[in-house]
């Protein structure tokens, strides 16, 4: 009987030892990852999440605090921007800080809790363009206490559910905010015009600021001056076929008259017809996103278009204005 009791005691001690060793070597860190698409461009999503004042409606980290007050840093946007939250009595409960930001690509955040029930969090947002949308990756790293490792799986599940709820709110908020700042989409008519144009294949990495456009406009204008042709409005760029790395574009200048002759790679062309369009005031590196916005609208509403999209540079860099004063019309011919 005594021997049996000793076996039970020794067996229990061995099991306890094994259990403690398991706890010791079980990684206290855990990661919860969520990925979702949102119908806004990476630049917009990045700038929105870089502003800590825009977190109030969806942030999961303050959910458990009732009647909380948020106190924001003097500059609430960008690296080092932060806020802390307090309870109704003014006791500081937690603080969120943006540690690092990589333009339109990544934001790293630290969340510190000042009550023992919680552990600190390391958060990383990454932004990837997917067609006209943004793929958002949200990675949350934290760790549990020594004994908390027993229920780590349950903690991960609970946090995952909380993140899912928050991401649904963020997705709605982001898309509504984006639509609120985009220009009105209109029906219109592009009047009959003759053009002289040059067609080029451009690496997509060069499209952003439209720097490839202006030398080609000047080339066409020099030829027009030589021939005595008069310009008949704002220059345009038509966006033709594309592949993974390159985009074929046609840069064109409208010309008065009908008897228009080309020379070499400068050729006559004609554009006319009904269009969907937007008028955008702002820098040219945002034009692709505005064109995608118009394209999305056309696809979602099952609207028919017949031809490739084009941009008309109503106010352009040669007019010696600031980037925010540039005016461009973007068209999809019906």
C-alpha atoms as a PDB file:
ATOM      1  CA  UNK A   1       0.000   0.000   0.000  1.00  0.00           C
ATOM      2  CA  UNK A   2       2.815   2.340   0.960  1.00  0.00           C
ATOM      3  CA  UNK A   3       4.617   1.461  -2.237  1.00  0.00           C
ATOM      4  CA  UNK A   4       1.480   2.272  -4.235  1.00  0.00           C
ATOM      5  CA  UNK A   5       1.206   5.691  -2.532  1.00  0.00           C
ATOM      6  CA  UNK A   6       4.855   6.385  -3.301  1.00  0.00           C
ATOM      7  CA  UNK A   7       4.252   5.540  -6.950  1.00  0.00           C
ATOM      8  CA  UNK A   8       1.347   7.989  -7.052  1.00  0.00           C
ATOM      9  CA  UNK A   9       3.432  10.721  -5.423  1.00  0.00           C
ATOM     10  CA  UNK A  10       6.427  10.136  -7.689  1.00  0.00           C
ATOM     11  CA  UNK A  11       4.197   9.874 -10.726  1.00  0.00           C
ATOM     12  CA  UNK A  12       2.462  13.145  -9.815  1.00  0.00           C
ATOM     13  CA  UNK A  13       5.812  14.881  -9.295  1.00  0.00           C
ATOM     14  CA  UNK A  14       7.013  13.647 -12.670  1.00  0.00           C
ATOM     15  CA  UNK A  15       3.831  14.909 -14.374  1.00  0.00           C
ATOM     16  CA  UNK A  16       4.146  18.270 -12.620  1.00  0.00           C
ATOM     17  CA  UNK A  17       7.775  18.448 -13.716  1.00  0.00           C
ATOM     18  CA  UNK A  18       6.862  17.636 -17.305  1.00  0.00           C
ATOM     19  CA  UNK A  19       4.094  20.246 -17.180  1.00  0.00           C
ATOM     20  CA  UNK A  20       6.471  22.922 -15.820  1.00  0.00           C
ATOM     21  CA  UNK A  21       9.047  22.060 -18.464  1.00  0.00           C
ATOM     22  CA  UNK A  22       6.327  22.358 -21.127  1.00  0.00           C
ATOM     23  CA  UNK A  23       5.405  25.797 -19.801  1.00  0.00           C
ATOM     24  CA  UNK A  24       9.055  26.825 -19.688  1.00  0.00           C
ATOM     25  CA  UNK A  25       9.730  25.880 -23.285  1.00  0.00           C
ATOM     26  CA  UNK A  26       6.373  26.976 -24.695  1.00  0.00           C
ATOM     27  CA  UNK A  27       6.830  30.222 -26.607  1.00  0.00           C
ATOM     28  CA  UNK A  28       5.095  33.021 -24.675  1.00  0.00           C
ATOM     29  CA  UNK A  29       4.780  35.094 -27.833  1.00  0.00           C
ATOM     30  CA  UNK A  30       1.821  34.764 -30.129  1.00  0.00           C
ATOM     31  CA  UNK A  31       0.754  36.393 -33.364  1.00  0.00           C
ATOM     32  CA  UNK A  32      -2.692  37.102 -34.801  1.00  0.00           C
ATOM     33  CA  UNK A  33      -2.792  37.953 -38.522  1.00  0.00           C
ATOM     34  CA  UNK A  34      -5.693  39.304 -40.502  1.00  0.00           C
ATOM     35  CA  UNK A  35      -5.812  40.130 -44.222  1.00  0.00           C
ATOM     36  CA  UNK A  36      -8.581  41.882 -46.150  1.00  0.00           C
ATOM     37  CA  UNK A  37      -9.214  43.967 -49.266  1.00  0.00           C
ATOM     38  CA  UNK A  38     -10.621  47.471 -49.161  1.00  0.00           C
ATOM     39  CA  UNK A  39     -11.820  49.506 -52.152  1.00  0.00           C
ATOM     40  CA  UNK A  40      -9.451  52.436 -51.715  1.00  0.00           C
ATOM     41  CA  UNK A  41      -5.908  52.973 -53.094  1.00  0.00           C
ATOM     42  CA  UNK A  42      -2.875  52.245 -50.864  1.00  0.00           C
ATOM     43  CA  UNK A  43      -2.025  55.939 -50.568  1.00  0.00           C
ATOM     44  CA  UNK A  44      -5.439  56.737 -49.071  1.00  0.00           C
ATOM     45  CA  UNK A  45      -5.437  53.764 -46.679  1.00  0.00           C
ATOM     46  CA  UNK A  46      -1.893  54.594 -45.563  1.00  0.00           C
ATOM     47  CA  UNK A  47      -2.636  58.270 -44.879  1.00  0.00           C
ATOM     48  CA  UNK A  48      -5.886  57.401 -43.106  1.00  0.00           C
ATOM     49  CA  UNK A  49      -4.227  54.932 -40.728  1.00  0.00           C
ATOM     50  CA  UNK A  50      -1.329  57.323 -40.167  1.00  0.00           C
ATOM     51  CA  UNK A  51      -3.735  59.701 -38.385  1.00  0.00           C
ATOM     52  CA  UNK A  52      -4.344  58.475 -34.814  1.00  0.00           C
ATOM     53  CA  UNK A  53      -7.398  60.741 -34.432  1.00  0.00           C
ATOM     54  CA  UNK A  54      -9.250  58.610 -37.007  1.00  0.00           C
ATOM     55  CA  UNK A  55      -9.106  55.449 -34.874  1.00  0.00           C
ATOM     56  CA  UNK A  56     -11.849  56.318 -32.400  1.00  0.00           C
ATOM     57  CA  UNK A  57     -14.729  54.436 -34.086  1.00  0.00           C
ATOM     58  CA  UNK A  58     -13.008  51.122 -34.820  1.00  0.00           C
ATOM     59  CA  UNK A  59      -9.866  50.646 -32.684  1.00  0.00           C
ATOM     60  CA  UNK A  60     -10.134  47.400 -30.651  1.00  0.00           C
ATOM     61  CA  UNK A  61      -7.650  48.342 -27.941  1.00  0.00           C
ATOM     62  CA  UNK A  62      -9.940  50.611 -25.923  1.00  0.00           C
ATOM     63  CA  UNK A  63     -13.130  48.531 -26.225  1.00  0.00           C
ATOM     64  CA  UNK A  64     -13.134  47.443 -22.584  1.00  0.00           C
ATOM     65  CA  UNK A  65     -12.958  50.994 -21.237  1.00  0.00           C
ATOM     66  CA  UNK A  66     -16.271  52.765 -20.658  1.00  0.00           C
ATOM     67  CA  UNK A  67     -16.535  56.570 -20.720  1.00  0.00           C
ATOM     68  CA  UNK A  68     -12.911  56.807 -21.795  1.00  0.00           C
ATOM     69  CA  UNK A  69     -11.161  60.003 -22.802  1.00  0.00           C
ATOM     70  CA  UNK A  70      -8.528  60.107 -25.542  1.00  0.00           C
ATOM     71  CA  UNK A  71      -5.682  62.573 -25.237  1.00  0.00           C
ATOM     72  CA  UNK A  72      -3.798  63.115 -28.517  1.00  0.00           C
ATOM     73  CA  UNK A  73      -0.255  64.284 -29.195  1.00  0.00           C
ATOM     74  CA  UNK A  74       0.266  67.791 -30.547  1.00  0.00           C
ATOM     75  CA  UNK A  75       0.789  66.333 -34.023  1.00  0.00           C
ATOM     76  CA  UNK A  76      -1.568  63.346 -34.404  1.00  0.00           C
ATOM     77  CA  UNK A  77      -0.274  62.337 -37.857  1.00  0.00           C
ATOM     78  CA  UNK A  78       2.841  60.368 -38.783  1.00  0.00           C
ATOM     79  CA  UNK A  79       5.783  58.882 -36.930  1.00  0.00           C
ATOM     80  CA  UNK A  80       5.775  59.543 -33.151  1.00  0.00           C
ATOM     81  CA  UNK A  81       2.074  60.491 -33.256  1.00  0.00           C
ATOM     82  CA  UNK A  82       0.291  58.957 -30.271  1.00  0.00           C
ATOM     83  CA  UNK A  83      -2.651  59.089 -27.924  1.00  0.00           C
ATOM     84  CA  UNK A  84      -3.451  57.699 -24.513  1.00  0.00           C
ATOM     85  CA  UNK A  85      -6.780  56.776 -23.008  1.00  0.00           C
ATOM     86  CA  UNK A  86      -8.025  57.224 -19.473  1.00  0.00           C
ATOM     87  CA  UNK A  87     -11.059  56.075 -17.530  1.00  0.00           C
ATOM     88  CA  UNK A  88     -13.754  58.323 -16.083  1.00  0.00           C
ATOM     89  CA  UNK A  89     -11.515  59.106 -13.108  1.00  0.00           C
ATOM     90  CA  UNK A  90      -8.640  60.208 -15.315  1.00  0.00           C
ATOM     91  CA  UNK A  91      -6.489  57.150 -14.611  1.00  0.00           C
ATOM     92  CA  UNK A  92      -4.190  56.421 -17.563  1.00  0.00           C
ATOM     93  CA  UNK A  93      -4.997  52.958 -18.951  1.00  0.00           C
ATOM     94  CA  UNK A  94      -3.136  52.676 -22.225  1.00  0.00           C
ATOM     95  CA  UNK A  95      -1.181  54.428 -24.948  1.00  0.00           C
ATOM     96  CA  UNK A  96      -0.755  53.910 -28.707  1.00  0.00           C
ATOM     97  CA  UNK A  97       2.259  55.239 -30.640  1.00  0.00           C
ATOM     98  CA  UNK A  98       3.223  55.106 -34.322  1.00  0.00           C
ATOM     99  CA  UNK A  99       6.849  53.977 -34.277  1.00  0.00           C
ATOM    100  CA  UNK A 100       7.716  53.829 -37.969  1.00  0.00           C
ATOM    101  CA  UNK A 101       6.077  54.494 -41.318  1.00  0.00           C
ATOM    102  CA  UNK A 102       7.158  53.619 -44.860  1.00  0.00           C
ATOM    103  CA  UNK A 103       5.316  55.702 -47.448  1.00  0.00           C
ATOM    104  CA  UNK A 104       2.236  53.822 -48.766  1.00  0.00           C
ATOM    105  CA  UNK A 105       3.827  50.497 -47.679  1.00  0.00           C
ATOM    106  CA  UNK A 106       3.982  49.920 -43.921  1.00  0.00           C
ATOM    107  CA  UNK A 107       3.076  51.362 -40.503  1.00  0.00           C
ATOM    108  CA  UNK A 108       4.495  49.966 -37.237  1.00  0.00           C
ATOM    109  CA  UNK A 109       2.639  50.675 -33.976  1.00  0.00           C
ATOM    110  CA  UNK A 110       3.210  50.005 -30.279  1.00  0.00           C
ATOM    111  CA  UNK A 111       0.334  49.673 -27.798  1.00  0.00           C
ATOM    112  CA  UNK A 112       1.260  49.891 -24.097  1.00  0.00           C
ATOM    113  CA  UNK A 113      -1.166  48.961 -21.347  1.00  0.00           C
ATOM    114  CA  UNK A 114      -0.759  50.360 -17.832  1.00  0.00           C
ATOM    115  CA  UNK A 115      -2.911  47.809 -16.073  1.00  0.00           C
ATOM    116  CA  UNK A 116      -1.548  44.350 -15.297  1.00  0.00           C
ATOM    117  CA  UNK A 117      -4.437  42.482 -16.932  1.00  0.00           C
ATOM    118  CA  UNK A 118      -3.020  43.264 -20.388  1.00  0.00           C
ATOM    119  CA  UNK A 119       0.281  42.884 -22.154  1.00  0.00           C
ATOM    120  CA  UNK A 120       1.879  45.255 -24.626  1.00  0.00           C
ATOM    121  CA  UNK A 121       1.290  44.782 -28.350  1.00  0.00           C
ATOM    122  CA  UNK A 122       3.433  45.225 -31.450  1.00  0.00           C
ATOM    123  CA  UNK A 123       1.339  45.919 -34.543  1.00  0.00           C
ATOM    124  CA  UNK A 124       2.331  46.054 -38.193  1.00  0.00           C
ATOM    125  CA  UNK A 125       0.169  47.250 -41.074  1.00  0.00           C
ATOM    126  CA  UNK A 126       1.284  46.570 -44.656  1.00  0.00           C
ATOM    127  CA  UNK A 127      -0.346  47.956 -47.805  1.00  0.00           C
ATOM    128  CA  UNK A 128      -0.317  46.256 -51.229  1.00  0.00           C
ATOM    129  CA  UNK A 129      -2.088  47.382 -54.382  1.00  0.00           C
ATOM    130  CA  UNK A 130      -4.362  44.744 -55.935  1.00  0.00           C
ATOM    131  CA  UNK A 131      -5.744  46.201 -59.151  1.00  0.00           C
ATOM    132  CA  UNK A 132      -7.869  49.150 -58.048  1.00  0.00           C
ATOM    133  CA  UNK A 133      -7.954  48.035 -54.385  1.00  0.00           C
ATOM    134  CA  UNK A 134      -5.644  47.709 -51.397  1.00  0.00           C
ATOM    135  CA  UNK A 135      -4.762  44.466 -49.656  1.00  0.00           C
ATOM    136  CA  UNK A 136      -4.279  45.246 -45.964  1.00  0.00           C
ATOM    137  CA  UNK A 137      -2.269  42.910 -43.739  1.00  0.00           C
ATOM    138  CA  UNK A 138      -2.642  43.421 -39.983  1.00  0.00           C
ATOM    139  CA  UNK A 139      -0.209  41.528 -37.768  1.00  0.00           C
ATOM    140  CA  UNK A 140      -0.545  41.781 -33.974  1.00  0.00           C
ATOM    141  CA  UNK A 141       2.244  40.368 -31.795  1.00  0.00           C
ATOM    142  CA  UNK A 142       2.060  40.040 -28.023  1.00  0.00           C
ATOM    143  CA  UNK A 143       2.957  37.577 -25.278  1.00  0.00           C
ATOM    144  CA  UNK A 144       1.228  35.920 -22.377  1.00  0.00           C
ATOM    145  CA  UNK A 145       2.308  35.328 -18.771  1.00  0.00           C
ATOM    146  CA  UNK A 146       3.982  32.099 -17.612  1.00  0.00           C
ATOM    147  CA  UNK A 147       0.729  30.437 -16.557  1.00  0.00           C
ATOM    148  CA  UNK A 148      -1.178  32.256 -19.284  1.00  0.00           C
ATOM    149  CA  UNK A 149       0.477  29.974 -21.825  1.00  0.00           C
ATOM    150  CA  UNK A 150      -2.010  27.273 -20.841  1.00  0.00           C
ATOM    151  CA  UNK A 151      -4.878  29.222 -22.367  1.00  0.00           C
ATOM    152  CA  UNK A 152      -2.914  30.830 -25.202  1.00  0.00           C
ATOM    153  CA  UNK A 153      -5.126  29.263 -27.866  1.00  0.00           C
ATOM    154  CA  UNK A 154      -8.255  30.717 -26.292  1.00  0.00           C
ATOM    155  CA  UNK A 155      -6.595  34.140 -25.985  1.00  0.00           C
ATOM    156  CA  UNK A 156      -5.673  34.061 -29.677  1.00  0.00           C
ATOM    157  CA  UNK A 157      -9.260  33.125 -30.616  1.00  0.00           C
ATOM    158  CA  UNK A 158     -10.711  35.919 -28.468  1.00  0.00           C
ATOM    159  CA  UNK A 159      -8.342  38.489 -29.894  1.00  0.00           C
ATOM    160  CA  UNK A 160      -9.008  37.245 -33.427  1.00  0.00           C
ATOM    161  CA  UNK A 161     -12.756  37.744 -32.980  1.00  0.00           C
ATOM    162  CA  UNK A 162     -12.154  41.244 -31.661  1.00  0.00           C
ATOM    163  CA  UNK A 163      -9.934  42.087 -34.620  1.00  0.00           C
ATOM    164  CA  UNK A 164     -12.530  40.789 -37.105  1.00  0.00           C
ATOM    165  CA  UNK A 165     -15.178  43.093 -35.655  1.00  0.00           C
ATOM    166  CA  UNK A 166     -12.809  46.065 -35.777  1.00  0.00           C
ATOM    167  CA  UNK A 167     -11.702  45.375 -39.338  1.00  0.00           C
ATOM    168  CA  UNK A 168     -15.298  45.267 -40.565  1.00  0.00           C
ATOM    169  CA  UNK A 169     -15.845  48.703 -39.042  1.00  0.00           C
ATOM    170  CA  UNK A 170     -12.572  50.023 -40.478  1.00  0.00           C
ATOM    171  CA  UNK A 171     -13.390  48.748 -43.973  1.00  0.00           C
ATOM    172  CA  UNK A 172     -16.746  50.574 -43.987  1.00  0.00           C
ATOM    173  CA  UNK A 173     -15.193  53.732 -42.560  1.00  0.00           C
ATOM    174  CA  UNK A 174     -12.309  53.769 -45.043  1.00  0.00           C
ATOM    175  CA  UNK A 175     -14.507  53.285 -48.099  1.00  0.00           C
ATOM    176  CA  UNK A 176     -17.023  55.916 -46.993  1.00  0.00           C
ATOM    177  CA  UNK A 177     -14.240  58.420 -46.272  1.00  0.00           C
ATOM    178  CA  UNK A 178     -12.680  57.759 -49.684  1.00  0.00           C
ATOM    179  CA  UNK A 179     -15.921  58.271 -51.593  1.00  0.00           C
ATOM    180  CA  UNK A 180     -16.538  61.507 -49.690  1.00  0.00           C
ATOM    181  CA  UNK A 181     -13.379  63.151 -51.050  1.00  0.00           C
ATOM    182  CA  UNK A 182     -13.514  61.892 -54.648  1.00  0.00           C
ATOM    183  CA  UNK A 183     -14.791  64.114 -57.482  1.00  0.00           C
ATOM    184  CA  UNK A 184     -18.305  63.812 -58.884  1.00  0.00           C
ATOM    185  CA  UNK A 185     -18.717  61.427 -61.825  1.00  0.00           C
ATOM    186  CA  UNK A 186     -20.576  63.046 -64.732  1.00  0.00           C
ATOM    187  CA  UNK A 187     -21.976  62.303 -68.187  1.00  0.00           C
ATOM    188  CA  UNK A 188     -20.534  64.499 -70.909  1.00  0.00           C
ATOM    189  CA  UNK A 189     -19.458  64.913 -74.497  1.00  0.00           C
ATOM    190  CA  UNK A 190     -15.957  65.191 -75.896  1.00  0.00           C
ATOM    191  CA  UNK A 191     -16.249  67.605 -78.861  1.00  0.00           C
ATOM    192  CA  UNK A 192     -14.938  66.811 -82.341  1.00  0.00           C
ATOM    193  CA  UNK A 193     -11.214  67.466 -82.505  1.00  0.00           C
ATOM    194  CA  UNK A 194      -8.258  66.583 -84.693  1.00  0.00           C
ATOM    195  CA  UNK A 195      -5.068  65.657 -82.903  1.00  0.00           C
ATOM    196  CA  UNK A 196      -1.439  65.020 -83.650  1.00  0.00           C
ATOM    197  CA  UNK A 197      -0.149  62.232 -81.461  1.00  0.00           C
ATOM    198  CA  UNK A 198       2.901  60.181 -80.518  1.00  0.00           C
ATOM    199  CA  UNK A 199       2.543  56.605 -79.213  1.00  0.00           C
ATOM    200  CA  UNK A 200       5.018  55.320 -76.617  1.00  0.00           C
ATOM    201  CA  UNK A 201       5.466  52.230 -74.443  1.00  0.00           C
ATOM    202  CA  UNK A 202       6.298  53.377 -70.909  1.00  0.00           C
ATOM    203  CA  UNK A 203       7.447  51.375 -67.898  1.00  0.00           C
ATOM    204  CA  UNK A 204       4.666  51.505 -65.306  1.00  0.00           C
ATOM    205  CA  UNK A 205       7.192  52.745 -62.766  1.00  0.00           C
ATOM    206  CA  UNK A 206       7.461  55.945 -64.848  1.00  0.00           C
ATOM    207  CA  UNK A 207       3.722  56.658 -65.083  1.00  0.00           C
ATOM    208  CA  UNK A 208       3.233  58.227 -61.659  1.00  0.00           C
ATOM    209  CA  UNK A 209       4.204  61.900 -62.054  1.00  0.00           C
ATOM    210  CA  UNK A 210       3.455  61.998 -65.827  1.00  0.00           C
ATOM    211  CA  UNK A 211       6.990  63.289 -66.499  1.00  0.00           C
ATOM    212  CA  UNK A 212       7.012  61.324 -69.797  1.00  0.00           C
ATOM    213  CA  UNK A 213       4.093  63.429 -71.116  1.00  0.00           C
ATOM    214  CA  UNK A 214       5.557  66.929 -71.270  1.00  0.00           C
ATOM    215  CA  UNK A 215       8.591  66.301 -73.576  1.00  0.00           C
ATOM    216  CA  UNK A 216       6.301  64.574 -76.086  1.00  0.00           C
ATOM    217  CA  UNK A 217       3.832  67.464 -75.981  1.00  0.00           C
ATOM    218  CA  UNK A 218       6.712  69.860 -76.658  1.00  0.00           C
ATOM    219  CA  UNK A 219       7.885  67.671 -79.540  1.00  0.00           C
ATOM    220  CA  UNK A 220       4.418  67.789 -81.146  1.00  0.00           C
ATOM    221  CA  UNK A 221       4.077  71.536 -80.509  1.00  0.00           C
ATOM    222  CA  UNK A 222       7.471  72.187 -82.161  1.00  0.00           C
ATOM    223  CA  UNK A 223       6.293  70.276 -85.235  1.00  0.00           C
ATOM    224  CA  UNK A 224       2.998  72.230 -85.240  1.00  0.00           C
ATOM    225  CA  UNK A 225       4.889  75.522 -85.119  1.00  0.00           C
ATOM    226  CA  UNK A 226       7.041  74.391 -88.035  1.00  0.00           C
ATOM    227  CA  UNK A 227       3.919  73.525 -90.075  1.00  0.00           C
ATOM    228  CA  UNK A 228       1.992  76.608 -88.988  1.00  0.00           C
ATOM    229  CA  UNK A 229      -0.692  74.580 -87.164  1.00  0.00           C
ATOM    230  CA  UNK A 230      -2.624  76.249 -84.341  1.00  0.00           C
ATOM    231  CA  UNK A 231      -3.363  74.412 -81.076  1.00  0.00           C
ATOM    232  CA  UNK A 232      -7.059  73.851 -80.344  1.00  0.00           C
ATOM    233  CA  UNK A 233      -7.281  73.146 -76.607  1.00  0.00           C
ATOM    234  CA  UNK A 234      -5.594  71.144 -73.884  1.00  0.00           C
ATOM    235  CA  UNK A 235      -3.239  68.193 -74.614  1.00  0.00           C
ATOM    236  CA  UNK A 236      -4.283  64.668 -73.678  1.00  0.00           C
ATOM    237  CA  UNK A 237      -2.882  61.208 -72.958  1.00  0.00           C
ATOM    238  CA  UNK A 238      -4.769  58.059 -73.993  1.00  0.00           C
ATOM    239  CA  UNK A 239      -4.037  54.892 -72.013  1.00  0.00           C
ATOM    240  CA  UNK A 240      -3.964  51.893 -74.343  1.00  0.00           C
ATOM    241  CA  UNK A 241      -2.930  48.275 -73.672  1.00  0.00           C
ATOM    242  CA  UNK A 242      -0.790  47.260 -70.716  1.00  0.00           C
ATOM    243  CA  UNK A 243       1.124  44.252 -69.485  1.00  0.00           C
ATOM    244  CA  UNK A 244       2.809  43.482 -66.168  1.00  0.00           C
ATOM    245  CA  UNK A 245       5.654  45.961 -66.599  1.00  0.00           C
ATOM    246  CA  UNK A 246       4.649  48.403 -69.341  1.00  0.00           C
ATOM    247  CA  UNK A 247       1.809  50.641 -70.513  1.00  0.00           C
ATOM    248  CA  UNK A 248       1.236  51.826 -74.082  1.00  0.00           C
ATOM    249  CA  UNK A 249       0.177  55.477 -74.139  1.00  0.00           C
ATOM    250  CA  UNK A 250      -0.662  58.004 -76.823  1.00  0.00           C
ATOM    251  CA  UNK A 251       0.221  61.633 -76.102  1.00  0.00           C
ATOM    252  CA  UNK A 252      -1.740  64.051 -78.304  1.00  0.00           C
ATOM    253  CA  UNK A 253      -2.226  67.778 -78.940  1.00  0.00           C
ATOM    254  CA  UNK A 254      -5.467  69.112 -80.529  1.00  0.00           C
ATOM    255  CA  UNK A 255      -5.002  70.980 -83.816  1.00  0.00           C
ATOM    256  CA  UNK A 256      -7.313  73.477 -85.571  1.00  0.00           C
ATOM    257  CA  UNK A 257      -8.404  72.603 -89.091  1.00  0.00           C
ATOM    258  CA  UNK A 258      -8.961  69.354 -90.954  1.00  0.00           C
ATOM    259  CA  UNK A 259      -6.042  69.006 -93.376  1.00  0.00           C
ATOM    260  CA  UNK A 260      -3.527  67.769 -90.831  1.00  0.00           C
ATOM    261  CA  UNK A 261      -0.370  65.964 -91.891  1.00  0.00           C
ATOM    262  CA  UNK A 262       1.909  63.908 -89.700  1.00  0.00           C
ATOM    263  CA  UNK A 263       5.628  63.242 -89.864  1.00  0.00           C
ATOM    264  CA  UNK A 264       7.469  60.128 -88.673  1.00  0.00           C
ATOM    265  CA  UNK A 265       6.056  59.014 -85.329  1.00  0.00           C
ATOM    266  CA  UNK A 266       3.822  62.116 -85.165  1.00  0.00           C
ATOM    267  CA  UNK A 267       0.506  61.026 -86.703  1.00  0.00           C
ATOM    268  CA  UNK A 268      -3.031  62.473 -87.078  1.00  0.00           C
ATOM    269  CA  UNK A 269      -5.832  61.043 -84.964  1.00  0.00           C
ATOM    270  CA  UNK A 270      -9.454  61.945 -84.161  1.00  0.00           C
ATOM    271  CA  UNK A 271     -11.380  61.823 -80.910  1.00  0.00           C
ATOM    272  CA  UNK A 272     -15.086  62.526 -80.460  1.00  0.00           C
ATOM    273  CA  UNK A 273     -18.096  61.184 -78.537  1.00  0.00           C
ATOM    274  CA  UNK A 274     -20.069  60.761 -75.346  1.00  0.00           C
ATOM    275  CA  UNK A 275     -18.097  60.116 -72.167  1.00  0.00           C
ATOM    276  CA  UNK A 276     -18.158  59.503 -68.438  1.00  0.00           C
ATOM    277  CA  UNK A 277     -15.706  61.848 -66.773  1.00  0.00           C
ATOM    278  CA  UNK A 278     -14.412  63.455 -63.611  1.00  0.00           C
ATOM    279  CA  UNK A 279     -12.553  66.721 -63.122  1.00  0.00           C
ATOM    280  CA  UNK A 280      -9.702  66.445 -60.642  1.00  0.00           C
ATOM    281  CA  UNK A 281      -7.677  69.256 -59.073  1.00  0.00           C
ATOM    282  CA  UNK A 282      -4.417  68.039 -57.589  1.00  0.00           C
ATOM    283  CA  UNK A 283      -0.967  66.566 -58.290  1.00  0.00           C
ATOM    284  CA  UNK A 284      -0.434  64.188 -61.173  1.00  0.00           C
ATOM    285  CA  UNK A 285       0.849  61.323 -59.019  1.00  0.00           C
ATOM    286  CA  UNK A 286      -2.774  60.893 -57.836  1.00  0.00           C
ATOM    287  CA  UNK A 287      -4.257  60.616 -61.335  1.00  0.00           C
ATOM    288  CA  UNK A 288      -3.966  56.823 -61.612  1.00  0.00           C
ATOM    289  CA  UNK A 289      -6.013  56.383 -58.442  1.00  0.00           C
ATOM    290  CA  UNK A 290      -8.704  58.752 -59.731  1.00  0.00           C
ATOM    291  CA  UNK A 291      -8.842  56.846 -63.021  1.00  0.00           C
ATOM    292  CA  UNK A 292      -9.196  53.556 -61.114  1.00  0.00           C
ATOM    293  CA  UNK A 293     -11.992  55.143 -59.069  1.00  0.00           C
ATOM    294  CA  UNK A 294     -13.885  56.066 -62.260  1.00  0.00           C
ATOM    295  CA  UNK A 295     -13.190  52.624 -63.740  1.00  0.00           C
ATOM    296  CA  UNK A 296     -14.548  50.925 -60.592  1.00  0.00           C
ATOM    297  CA  UNK A 297     -17.722  53.003 -60.801  1.00  0.00           C
ATOM    298  CA  UNK A 298     -18.257  51.958 -64.433  1.00  0.00           C
ATOM    299  CA  UNK A 299     -17.695  48.268 -63.667  1.00  0.00           C
ATOM    300  CA  UNK A 300     -19.921  48.218 -60.561  1.00  0.00           C
ATOM    301  CA  UNK A 301     -22.772  49.912 -62.383  1.00  0.00           C
ATOM    302  CA  UNK A 302     -22.370  47.763 -65.504  1.00  0.00           C
ATOM    303  CA  UNK A 303     -21.976  50.832 -67.726  1.00  0.00           C
ATOM    304  CA  UNK A 304     -20.814  50.334 -71.287  1.00  0.00           C
ATOM    305  CA  UNK A 305     -17.635  51.976 -72.546  1.00  0.00           C
ATOM    306  CA  UNK A 306     -16.246  51.690 -76.054  1.00  0.00           C
ATOM    307  CA  UNK A 307     -12.678  52.932 -75.935  1.00  0.00           C
ATOM    308  CA  UNK A 308      -9.584  53.456 -73.845  1.00  0.00           C
ATOM    309  CA  UNK A 309      -9.541  56.086 -71.068  1.00  0.00           C
ATOM    310  CA  UNK A 310      -7.851  59.438 -71.571  1.00  0.00           C
ATOM    311  CA  UNK A 311      -6.650  62.415 -69.536  1.00  0.00           C
ATOM    312  CA  UNK A 312      -7.011  66.043 -70.596  1.00  0.00           C
ATOM    313  CA  UNK A 313      -4.512  68.447 -68.984  1.00  0.00           C
ATOM    314  CA  UNK A 314      -6.666  71.556 -68.520  1.00  0.00           C
ATOM    315  CA  UNK A 315      -4.106  73.210 -66.230  1.00  0.00           C
ATOM    316  CA  UNK A 316      -0.644  71.677 -66.562  1.00  0.00           C
ATOM    317  CA  UNK A 317       2.900  72.239 -65.223  1.00  0.00           C
ATOM    318  CA  UNK A 318       3.803  74.624 -68.074  1.00  0.00           C
ATOM    319  CA  UNK A 319       1.126  76.966 -66.679  1.00  0.00           C
ATOM    320  CA  UNK A 320       3.532  77.548 -63.743  1.00  0.00           C
ATOM    321  CA  UNK A 321       1.144  76.566 -60.949  1.00  0.00           C
ATOM    322  CA  UNK A 322       1.543  74.530 -57.774  1.00  0.00           C
ATOM    323  CA  UNK A 323       0.810  70.791 -57.889  1.00  0.00           C
ATOM    324  CA  UNK A 324      -2.396  71.254 -55.899  1.00  0.00           C
ATOM    325  CA  UNK A 325      -3.661  73.700 -58.579  1.00  0.00           C
ATOM    326  CA  UNK A 326      -3.209  71.379 -61.551  1.00  0.00           C
ATOM    327  CA  UNK A 327      -6.549  70.486 -63.211  1.00  0.00           C
ATOM    328  CA  UNK A 328      -7.081  67.278 -65.171  1.00  0.00           C
ATOM    329  CA  UNK A 329     -10.200  65.765 -66.694  1.00  0.00           C
ATOM    330  CA  UNK A 330     -10.323  61.974 -66.926  1.00  0.00           C
ATOM    331  CA  UNK A 331     -12.654  60.433 -69.544  1.00  0.00           C
ATOM    332  CA  UNK A 332     -14.028  57.001 -70.421  1.00  0.00           C
ATOM    333  CA  UNK A 333     -15.686  57.163 -73.901  1.00  0.00           C
ATOM    334  CA  UNK A 334     -19.091  55.458 -74.063  1.00  0.00           C
END
